Amino acid sequence: MDIQRPRGTADLLPGTVEAWQVLERIVRETLATANYQEIRTPVFEYTELFERGVGDTTDIVNKEMYTFEDRGGRSVTLRPEGTAGVVRAFVENKLYGQGTISKLYYIEPMFRYEKPQKGRFRQFHQYGVEVLGSEAPAIDAEVIQLNLSVLQNLGLKQLTVELNSVGCAVCRPRHKEQMIALLSPRRDELCKECQERLEKNPLRMFDCKNEHCHTILREVGAPYISDALCEECSEHFQAVQGYLTAMSVPFVHKKDLVRGLDYYTRTAWEITSPGFTTIAGGGRYNGLVEQVGGPATPGIGFGGGIERALWVLGEQGGRLTDEHELDAFVAVADESAERPAMVVLSTLRGRGISCDRDYQGRGLKSQFKLADRANAKFVIILGESELASGKATVKDLATGQQDQVVFADVATFVQERLGEAPTAGGQGA
């Protein structure tokens, strides 16, 4: 049997990967306007990081992680989400000692063993933001707006922020007691996961995918966490909403929104569009740095799936394009020009001019077809007659104009025709 790619993965081929490059560029440019810097963490971490940080009641830890022992007998896990690794790097590298907040972003592959479907893979790619060092509601508003702005800049439409507060270490225990008191008499009617959540983190029952569990929550009158907030959480949540309103960020208060990770505190949100489930989302995690072994440091961040964003964009009739173009194509008319052609290529590339040539011995007519296929602007023809005259034939494919140019001036000539000022240096012919 032929070897094929594993289920839940995808090959990104030329013609497709260009859209990814445009998306990544838009993410970087959008976040750069707000002074965010890139961070890159290992693709695998010790399993304890995710058990401790993500939470042992989450589907990620219980069902979806790719975990294995390395040759030293240590349990390691392929990264299932981005925040825990960034927080670990923040603590291990003592970024908290810089005296300012850390505004970080990443664009990295993640791994979860779940059922593949449209916009969802077992190896997927995520862009995300993490801000560490401020609990001001204004930074919540900034991060939420950036999350929305990235998607808007990608061309996604009809986006809404679904917003909630999931409380803190003061109001969550009170809410937990209420939930246990109301639901314990009907514990046996809950799904297996919610029976476990009832003891460990009943708030996450609102995130259950079993509709029967939601029916029970409604029947017993299970309180929403946003209706049980302490004074500080309530004030923080009101302030965040005030900032978003002032910034014209469209949002709705969704009381049953809790997100799927245990580390969230206070602000939590998801971004949706009619007809689609969550496209991106995030939240605040004020206790996570301490759980990973660092000093008390507030944090907030978001994540968005690249595959999912591109799928939704396509379903909405949009697409990201970045046509591949060459500045020049060097056409070799006969064998005598082989070595000079390589010198011209090297010279052009040394000047930052994108160029290519044929390496399969095609005739001149076929080489012109290759140049057309590569969207080349110029074809530089080298052959016996050009070598004899010391001048290359440079053809503008848009106008059909041909010029005879001294070999030493070809790069400068092409640069000027491209509308660029000649640059000093580069590799000489």
Foldseek 3Di string as FASTA:
>chain_A
DDDDDDFQDDDQDPVRCQLVVLLVVLLVVLVVVVPAEEDDFDQKDQLVLCCLQQHPLFCQNVPWWDWDADPVRTIMTGAADDDSRVLLCCFVVVVVPPPDKHKYKYWAWHATPDDDDQLGGRTFIKIKIKIKFDPALLVVLVQVVSVVVSLVVSPFDQKEKAKEFQADPVQQVVLLVQLLVLCVVVLVVDDPSCNVCNVPPNLCLLVDPDVSSVVSCVVSVRDQSRVRYDPVLVVSLVVNVVSCVVVVHHYDHDRSDDDRGDQAGRMWIFMDHPPDPGFKIWHKGQCSSVSSPHDRMIMIMMMGTPSSSQSSCVVVVHGRDDQQAFQEEEEEADPVCVVVSVQLCQQLVQQVGGYYYDDPPDHRVVRVVVNVVRNYQWYWYDYDVCVVVQWIWIAGPVVRDIDTHHSQCVNVVSCVVVVHHGDPDTDGD
